[in-house]
Structure formats: structure tokens, C-alpha cells
Protein backbone atom coordinates (compact mmCIF):
# COMPACT_ATOMS: atom_id res chain seq x y z
CA UNK A 1 31.50 217.36 -98.65
CA UNK A 2 31.94 213.71 -97.78
CA UNK A 3 28.54 213.29 -96.23
CA UNK A 4 27.19 210.91 -98.88
CA UNK A 5 29.80 208.45 -100.03
CA UNK A 6 29.29 206.28 -103.07
CA UNK A 7 28.91 202.61 -102.35
CA UNK A 8 32.05 200.60 -102.77
CA UNK A 9 32.48 197.09 -104.03
CA UNK A 10 30.50 195.20 -106.62
CA UNK A 11 28.11 193.14 -104.55
CA UNK A 12 24.96 192.35 -106.49
CA UNK A 13 22.70 191.82 -103.50
CA UNK A 14 21.96 193.68 -100.29
CA UNK A 15 19.55 193.80 -97.36
CA UNK A 16 16.66 195.95 -98.56
CA UNK A 17 14.14 195.88 -95.75
CA UNK A 18 12.85 194.31 -92.60
CA UNK A 19 9.74 193.00 -90.95
CA UNK A 20 8.06 193.50 -87.62
CA UNK A 21 9.87 190.44 -86.38
CA UNK A 22 13.22 191.96 -87.29
CA UNK A 23 13.79 189.62 -90.24
CA UNK A 24 15.44 191.20 -93.24
CA UNK A 25 14.83 190.44 -96.88
CA UNK A 26 17.59 190.24 -99.44
CA UNK A 27 17.23 191.44 -103.00
CA UNK A 28 19.09 192.86 -105.97
CA UNK A 29 20.30 196.31 -105.08
CA UNK A 30 19.08 199.30 -107.11
CA UNK A 31 21.62 200.64 -109.59
CA UNK A 32 21.18 204.37 -108.89
CA UNK A 33 19.67 204.82 -105.44
CA UNK A 34 20.64 203.20 -102.16
CA UNK A 35 17.14 201.91 -101.43
CA UNK A 36 14.22 201.29 -103.77
CA UNK A 37 12.02 203.34 -101.46
CA UNK A 38 14.03 206.44 -102.42
CA UNK A 39 12.07 206.68 -105.67
CA UNK A 40 9.16 207.90 -103.55
CA UNK A 41 11.27 210.81 -102.33
CA UNK A 42 12.54 211.55 -105.83
CA UNK A 43 8.92 211.52 -107.04
CA UNK A 44 7.89 213.99 -104.31
CA UNK A 45 10.62 216.46 -105.24
CA UNK A 46 10.05 216.03 -109.00
CA UNK A 47 6.32 216.68 -108.60
CA UNK A 48 7.03 219.74 -106.45
CA UNK A 49 9.38 221.21 -109.05
CA UNK A 50 6.77 220.48 -111.74
CA UNK A 51 4.17 222.44 -109.78
CA UNK A 52 6.50 225.41 -109.29
CA UNK A 53 7.50 225.67 -112.92
CA UNK A 54 3.99 224.99 -114.18
CA UNK A 55 2.85 228.05 -112.21
CA UNK A 56 5.82 230.06 -113.45
CA UNK A 57 5.52 229.25 -117.15
CA UNK A 58 1.80 228.49 -117.58
CA UNK A 59 -0.53 231.36 -116.58
CA UNK A 60 -3.54 229.00 -116.37
CA UNK A 61 -1.78 227.16 -113.51
CA UNK A 62 -1.54 230.29 -111.35
CA UNK A 63 -4.48 229.54 -109.11
CA UNK A 64 -5.26 228.63 -105.52
CA UNK A 65 -5.33 224.88 -106.22
CA UNK A 66 -1.83 224.79 -107.68
CA UNK A 67 -0.52 227.16 -105.01
CA UNK A 68 -1.97 225.02 -102.21
CA UNK A 69 -0.50 221.86 -103.70
CA UNK A 70 2.87 223.57 -104.10
CA UNK A 71 2.84 224.65 -100.44
CA UNK A 72 2.04 221.13 -99.30
CA UNK A 73 4.73 219.58 -101.48
CA UNK A 74 7.18 222.23 -100.31
CA UNK A 75 6.64 220.86 -96.82
CA UNK A 76 7.26 217.33 -98.15
CA UNK A 77 10.40 218.65 -99.88
CA UNK A 78 11.63 219.71 -96.43
CA UNK A 79 10.83 216.23 -95.12
CA UNK A 80 13.02 214.83 -97.90
CA UNK A 81 15.78 217.26 -96.86
CA UNK A 82 15.64 215.74 -93.40
CA UNK A 83 15.91 212.20 -94.71
CA UNK A 84 18.53 213.00 -97.34
CA UNK A 85 20.82 214.74 -94.87
CA UNK A 86 20.71 211.67 -92.64
CA UNK A 87 21.32 209.24 -95.49
CA UNK A 88 21.96 210.33 -99.05
CA UNK A 89 19.40 209.12 -101.59
CA UNK A 90 21.90 208.20 -104.32
CA UNK A 91 24.92 205.93 -104.46
CA UNK A 92 26.88 208.67 -106.18
CA UNK A 93 28.29 211.44 -104.00
CA UNK A 94 28.03 213.89 -106.92
CA UNK A 95 24.33 213.11 -107.41
CA UNK A 96 23.70 213.53 -103.69
CA UNK A 97 25.28 216.98 -103.76
CA UNK A 98 23.23 217.94 -106.83
CA UNK A 99 20.07 216.68 -105.16
CA UNK A 100 20.97 218.71 -102.08
CA UNK A 101 21.05 221.86 -104.23
CA UNK A 102 17.64 221.05 -105.71
CA UNK A 103 16.21 220.51 -102.22
CA UNK A 104 17.74 223.80 -101.06
CA UNK A 105 15.99 225.68 -103.85
CA UNK A 106 12.70 224.02 -102.91
CA UNK A 107 12.90 225.34 -99.34
CA UNK A 108 14.95 228.52 -99.98
CA UNK A 109 17.44 227.55 -97.30
CA UNK A 110 20.67 225.53 -97.46
CA UNK A 111 19.95 221.86 -96.87
CA UNK A 112 23.43 221.49 -95.37
CA UNK A 113 22.21 223.42 -92.32
CA UNK A 114 20.50 220.22 -91.18
CA UNK A 115 23.84 218.60 -90.34
CA UNK A 116 24.59 220.67 -87.22
CA UNK A 117 21.05 221.89 -86.53
CA UNK A 118 19.29 218.54 -86.73
CA UNK A 119 21.72 215.61 -86.97
CA UNK A 120 23.91 216.82 -84.12
CA UNK A 121 22.15 219.43 -81.95
CA UNK A 122 18.50 218.39 -82.22
CA UNK A 123 19.49 214.76 -81.71
CA UNK A 124 21.38 215.92 -78.61
CA UNK A 125 24.78 214.75 -79.83
CA UNK A 126 26.38 218.20 -79.82
CA UNK A 127 24.26 220.19 -77.39
CA UNK A 128 25.87 219.21 -74.06
CA UNK A 129 22.55 219.04 -72.31
CA UNK A 130 21.37 222.51 -73.38
CA UNK A 131 18.07 223.16 -75.21
CA UNK A 132 18.50 222.77 -78.94
CA UNK A 133 17.99 225.73 -81.25
CA UNK A 134 14.49 224.55 -82.13
CA UNK A 135 13.35 223.51 -78.65
CA UNK A 136 9.62 223.98 -77.90
CA UNK A 137 10.61 225.84 -74.71
CA UNK A 138 11.66 228.83 -76.80
CA UNK A 139 8.00 229.91 -77.00
CA UNK A 140 5.77 230.31 -73.99
CA UNK A 141 2.39 231.86 -74.84
CA UNK A 142 -0.53 230.86 -72.64
CA UNK A 143 -2.69 230.55 -75.75
CA UNK A 144 -1.17 227.44 -77.28
CA UNK A 145 -2.10 228.24 -80.88
CA UNK A 146 0.22 231.25 -80.71
CA UNK A 147 3.09 228.94 -79.77
CA UNK A 148 2.53 226.94 -82.95
CA UNK A 149 2.15 230.00 -85.18
CA UNK A 150 5.05 231.97 -83.71
CA UNK A 151 7.51 229.11 -83.30
CA UNK A 152 9.29 229.46 -86.70
CA UNK A 153 9.92 233.16 -85.97
CA UNK A 154 12.04 232.08 -82.99
CA UNK A 155 13.43 228.72 -84.11
CA UNK A 156 14.54 229.97 -87.52
CA UNK A 157 16.84 232.79 -86.33
CA UNK A 158 18.04 230.62 -83.41
CA UNK A 159 19.01 227.88 -85.84
CA UNK A 160 20.87 230.02 -88.35
CA UNK A 161 22.69 231.97 -85.63
CA UNK A 162 23.62 228.74 -83.91
CA UNK A 163 24.81 227.12 -87.13
CA UNK A 164 27.00 230.13 -87.92
CA UNK A 165 28.61 229.99 -84.46
CA UNK A 166 29.03 226.23 -84.68
CA UNK A 167 30.75 226.47 -88.06
CA UNK A 168 33.03 229.34 -86.99
CA UNK A 169 34.05 227.77 -83.69
CA UNK A 170 34.44 224.20 -84.88
CA UNK A 171 36.18 225.27 -88.09
CA UNK A 172 34.36 222.94 -90.50
CA UNK A 173 35.59 224.47 -93.74
CA UNK A 174 34.04 221.78 -95.93
CA UNK A 175 30.70 222.36 -94.23
CA UNK A 176 30.97 226.10 -94.87
CA UNK A 177 31.73 225.49 -98.53
CA UNK A 178 28.72 223.22 -99.05
CA UNK A 179 26.54 225.64 -97.07
CA UNK A 180 27.62 228.42 -99.44
CA UNK A 181 26.97 226.30 -102.54
CA UNK A 182 23.46 225.42 -101.30
CA UNK A 183 22.71 229.08 -100.61
CA UNK A 184 24.10 230.23 -103.95
CA UNK A 185 21.96 227.76 -105.89
CA UNK A 186 18.77 228.32 -103.90
CA UNK A 187 18.88 232.11 -103.89
CA UNK A 188 20.61 232.38 -107.25
CA UNK A 189 17.94 230.43 -109.16
CA UNK A 190 15.17 232.22 -107.29
CA UNK A 191 16.81 235.55 -108.13
CA UNK A 192 17.07 234.67 -111.83
CA UNK A 193 13.37 233.79 -111.90
CA UNK A 194 12.59 237.12 -110.22
CA UNK A 195 14.54 239.03 -112.85
CA UNK A 196 12.32 237.64 -115.60
CA UNK A 197 8.99 237.72 -113.73
CA UNK A 198 9.18 239.27 -110.28
CA UNK A 199 5.55 239.02 -109.14
CA UNK A 200 4.98 235.50 -110.43
CA UNK A 201 8.13 234.34 -108.66
CA UNK A 202 7.18 236.11 -105.45
CA UNK A 203 3.67 234.67 -105.24
CA UNK A 204 4.06 231.25 -106.87
CA UNK A 205 7.67 230.30 -106.09
CA UNK A 206 8.77 232.13 -102.93
CA UNK A 207 5.53 231.66 -100.96
CA UNK A 208 5.64 227.85 -101.33
CA UNK A 209 9.37 227.81 -100.57
CA UNK A 210 8.91 229.73 -97.33
CA UNK A 211 5.79 227.78 -96.36
CA UNK A 212 7.68 224.48 -96.46
CA UNK A 213 10.67 225.82 -94.52
CA UNK A 214 8.46 227.26 -91.78
CA UNK A 215 6.26 224.16 -91.60
CA UNK A 216 9.18 221.79 -91.03
CA UNK A 217 10.30 223.97 -88.11
CA UNK A 218 6.83 223.60 -86.58
CA UNK A 219 7.26 219.84 -86.61
CA UNK A 220 9.74 220.27 -83.74
CA UNK A 221 7.13 221.72 -81.42
CA UNK A 222 4.45 219.28 -82.59
CA UNK A 223 6.63 216.22 -81.96
CA UNK A 224 8.34 217.27 -78.73
CA UNK A 225 6.19 219.79 -76.87
CA UNK A 226 5.33 218.64 -73.31
CA UNK A 227 7.34 215.43 -73.74
CA UNK A 228 10.20 214.63 -71.41
CA UNK A 229 13.32 214.95 -73.54
CA UNK A 230 15.50 213.74 -70.66
CA UNK A 231 14.10 210.21 -71.05
CA UNK A 232 15.39 207.53 -73.40
CA UNK A 233 12.04 206.51 -74.90
CA UNK A 234 9.39 209.13 -74.04
CA UNK A 235 11.00 212.20 -75.56
CA UNK A 236 8.95 212.35 -78.76
CA UNK A 237 5.39 212.21 -80.01
CA UNK A 238 4.65 209.79 -82.85
CA UNK A 239 1.96 209.93 -85.54
CA UNK A 240 1.29 206.39 -86.63
CA UNK A 241 -1.34 206.60 -89.38
CA UNK A 242 -0.32 204.42 -92.34
CA UNK A 243 -1.44 206.80 -95.11
CA UNK A 244 0.17 209.75 -93.32
CA UNK A 245 3.49 207.92 -93.00
CA UNK A 246 3.43 206.74 -96.61
CA UNK A 247 3.40 210.30 -97.96
CA UNK A 248 5.61 211.54 -95.08
CA UNK A 249 8.21 208.83 -95.72
CA UNK A 250 7.72 207.45 -92.19
CA UNK A 251 8.60 210.72 -90.46
CA UNK A 252 5.72 210.16 -88.06
CA UNK A 253 7.85 207.57 -86.22
CA UNK A 254 9.99 210.07 -84.39
CA UNK A 255 11.04 208.20 -81.27
CA UNK A 256 12.80 205.40 -83.12
CA UNK A 257 14.39 207.93 -85.47
CA UNK A 258 15.93 209.77 -82.51
CA UNK A 259 17.12 206.59 -80.83
CA UNK A 260 18.39 204.83 -83.92
CA UNK A 261 19.16 207.64 -86.35
CA UNK A 262 21.16 205.27 -88.55
CA UNK A 263 18.06 203.29 -89.54
CA UNK A 264 16.78 204.01 -93.02
CA UNK A 265 13.40 205.73 -93.03
CA UNK A 266 11.79 202.87 -94.94
CA UNK A 267 12.11 200.49 -91.94
CA UNK A 268 11.03 202.85 -89.16
CA UNK A 269 7.49 201.43 -89.01
CA UNK A 270 8.73 197.94 -88.17
CA UNK A 271 11.32 199.27 -85.71
CA UNK A 272 8.70 201.42 -83.97
CA UNK A 273 6.42 198.44 -83.46
CA UNK A 274 9.27 196.26 -82.25
CA UNK A 275 11.18 198.61 -79.95
CA UNK A 276 9.18 201.73 -79.18
CA UNK A 277 5.61 200.61 -78.69
CA UNK A 278 6.33 198.34 -75.70
CA UNK A 279 8.28 201.11 -73.96
CA UNK A 280 6.50 204.45 -74.40
CA UNK A 281 3.48 205.99 -72.81
CA UNK A 282 0.49 205.20 -75.08
CA UNK A 283 -0.40 208.91 -75.09
CA UNK A 284 2.66 209.53 -77.25
CA UNK A 285 1.32 207.42 -80.13
CA UNK A 286 -1.19 209.61 -81.96
CA UNK A 287 -3.24 208.01 -84.75
CA UNK A 288 -3.64 211.26 -86.71
CA UNK A 289 -1.62 214.47 -86.87
CA UNK A 290 -4.62 216.46 -88.10
CA UNK A 291 -6.77 215.27 -85.20
CA UNK A 292 -3.93 216.04 -82.78
CA UNK A 293 -3.49 219.57 -84.15
CA UNK A 294 -7.21 220.31 -83.94
CA UNK A 295 -7.46 218.88 -80.43
CA UNK A 296 -4.31 220.53 -79.08
CA UNK A 297 -4.27 223.93 -80.75
CA UNK A 298 -7.92 224.71 -81.55
CA UNK A 299 -10.14 222.89 -79.06
CA UNK A 300 -7.77 223.26 -76.07
CA UNK A 301 -6.56 226.89 -75.88
CA UNK A 302 -4.20 226.50 -72.85
CA UNK A 303 -0.90 224.72 -73.35
CA UNK A 304 -1.19 221.11 -72.14
CA UNK A 305 0.61 219.96 -69.02
CA UNK A 306 3.80 217.94 -69.51
CA UNK A 307 3.14 214.23 -69.86
CA UNK A 308 4.21 212.26 -66.79
CA UNK A 309 6.06 209.26 -68.18
CA UNK A 310 8.09 208.33 -65.11
CA UNK A 311 6.65 204.87 -64.49
CA UNK A 312 6.60 204.00 -68.16
CA UNK A 313 10.22 205.05 -68.59
CA UNK A 314 11.25 203.02 -65.56
CA UNK A 315 9.66 199.94 -67.10
CA UNK A 316 11.50 200.67 -70.35
CA UNK A 317 14.83 200.13 -68.65
CA UNK A 318 14.30 196.38 -68.71
CA UNK A 319 12.29 196.03 -71.92
CA UNK A 320 13.93 194.97 -75.16
CA UNK A 321 17.43 195.63 -76.48
CA UNK A 322 19.42 198.43 -74.90
CA UNK A 323 20.44 201.53 -76.80
CA UNK A 324 24.04 202.05 -77.79
CA UNK A 325 25.89 204.55 -75.66
CA UNK A 326 25.53 208.26 -76.39
CA UNK A 327 29.14 208.42 -77.63
CA UNK A 328 28.53 205.54 -80.03
CA UNK A 329 25.33 207.10 -81.37
CA UNK A 330 27.01 210.49 -81.64
CA UNK A 331 29.88 208.98 -83.65
CA UNK A 332 27.37 207.29 -85.95
CA UNK A 333 25.48 210.56 -86.49
CA UNK A 334 28.70 212.40 -87.23
CA UNK A 335 29.81 209.69 -89.66
CA UNK A 336 26.49 209.75 -91.49
CA UNK A 337 26.75 213.55 -91.72
CA UNK A 338 30.28 213.32 -93.10
CA UNK A 339 31.89 215.01 -90.08
CA UNK A 340 34.92 213.35 -88.43
CA UNK A 341 33.95 212.20 -84.95
CA UNK A 342 36.44 213.22 -82.31
CA UNK A 343 37.12 211.16 -79.19
CA UNK A 344 34.80 211.97 -76.31
CA UNK A 345 35.98 215.07 -74.49
CA UNK A 346 35.65 215.46 -70.73
CA UNK A 347 33.87 218.81 -70.97
CA UNK A 348 32.62 221.33 -73.49
CA UNK A 349 30.10 224.08 -73.66
CA UNK A 350 26.92 224.54 -75.59
CA UNK A 351 27.05 225.88 -79.16
CA UNK A 352 23.80 227.63 -78.31
CA UNK A 353 25.84 229.86 -75.98
CA UNK A 354 28.41 230.63 -78.66
CA UNK A 355 31.34 229.16 -76.73
CA UNK A 356 33.75 226.37 -77.51
CA UNK A 357 32.23 223.07 -78.59
CA UNK A 358 33.61 219.62 -79.11
CA UNK A 359 35.08 218.95 -82.51
CA UNK A 360 32.96 216.43 -84.34
């Protein structure tokens, strides 16, 4: 799949970062990865694999501590999937595809699924105004904790059913091929491990794999529930703790990621401070995800009321640089995902309804 093209040319220098003032720094480009910050993501995935295989091959490592660490790093592996499917880690297309397989094994689902499910539908570039497959509105328990716990049971099947319809209707044969390769590697390697040691694989490989996949689905409800997704700047909740965002590769800065999906994750902190903070309701900047989860799902049993951001959004219309048009952002998302962007069509229907969608 052409989603992660190798860099062309022989330029020795490139822009490698930014500052809160928008100034960029220039430095010698890395020889293997696109950005130096990618070594953090490679380290996360390498450590996760080390935990899994330590538990598989070393009986002394089969304990609660290792299992807990593996579950946590499985979640981070899914965070890396998100980042990698927006912008490939490596300069080499072949390495990006290999890395995609490794990530798929870590989450026991095909990483390629993120292209339609996240890059296009969740970012509202291929949803035609309909709720995305992982919309918080798909769960509606009065006891809010149940919404958080049950959400993956709804969002997971919705996503895979939607992706299958999207692929069949839009006819993306290259997508289907990469989807199959991801699945074959993820389930094939897991199956081989089960053949040699079924119970160890089930408890110390499969449990972490599933934990990470389900946890990343829950991020959708955590970051968007009771926000107004119809607005340009108040559609997402951000978690702005520095330590949290270091290990999460800046995935706490969700508003700027939605609005400028082409930005590399390493510069989201500066972009959030520059563009988002002056425009959003302060209630949507949370200092700590843990504190938010405790407050929202344990100490406040009823589901919170939607946040009224009308006045703040109105003020945002005149603050700072304007966003590119939806068609321009959609074309950029499709290009980054390796899907040819078609000219804007006058009308189409939602892939969530299983009818015809725009080619993209």
C-alpha cells in the first residue's frame, strides 16, 4: 500500500521541530526515521515486545507485574498505531509496512483498519455528517461508568462492520490486501505461539493484546463525550499534562490533531498552545487524564451534561489563522493514508449506513 512513501531527493537538512512562537528549527535529518522523535515510538513497541516474549519464554516473568506492564504498553502500542497510520515512522515504505505488521500483532487487530475508521471517518472526512463508528452516542447508560466499560463492545463491532462495508463499496483493493496481510501476521503469529504453549499465550500474550485494543477504543469516548463535535474548535477534550504527553507521544492534544491532522505528533504541544488554547472552552483542557476519569466515572455517577461552548466558539471565528476547507483537509488525510482523493462530490451517503460513499 502506498500509504508511507519513502522520502525522495538527497537533501541533508530538514525542518525537525517548532516552538510555541511557530518558529522552526533546522537540523540534519535522521537516516532511518522521518523524525528523531520516532525513536520514542520504536522504543515503546520494542519494550512491549520484550515484555510479551519475556513472559512467554521465561517462567519467572509470568507474574502480575509483568502482565500489568504488558497491558499498559499494549495500550501505548495502539497509540503508536494511531500515529503511524497518520504518518509512517520510517523513510522506507517496506519498513513502514513491516512495522505495521508488528503493531498489528501487538493489538491483535489489523493496523490498516485505522485508515478508514480513524483517518477518514472519525476525522469526519468520509462520514457525510453521520456519527462515526466509534461515536460516544452509541452508548447511553444513565450510570456513566457503564458507558466507559461497555463502549468497546459497541464501537469494536461497529468499526469492523463499517470498515468491511467501506472497503467493499469503495473498492479499495490495495487496502483490502494490506488489511489481510496485517490480519495474517497478527493472528498467524499468535496462533503459532498457541500451538507451542496455549495457556501461556492466552494469559500472557492475548490478554495484553486485547487490553490495548479495547483501551484505545475507550479513548474516543473519553476525548469526545459531551463535547460539541459540530464546532470547529470545541469538539474534543485535551489532556495537557507534560509527563502524560511524553509517554503518550502527545496524543493528549486531540483538538489540534483533529484540525491539523497533517502535523507530526512531536509538534502538537506547541500548536495546541498557539492555536487551540485561545479558542476553546477552558473546561476542555484537563490537566490529568487520571483525575478526569476518577471525577467523571467514579465520583459522578450520572453522565455529565453536554458542555455549552457556543460563546467560546463564536469568539473562535475571529481568533488566529483560519482552518483550511474541509475538502482540503480531507484530501490531505486521504493523501497521508495513501488513498487517492477524488474531487468533491455533490452528494453521498454515510458508510455507516452501508450505502454508496464517495471514492477517496
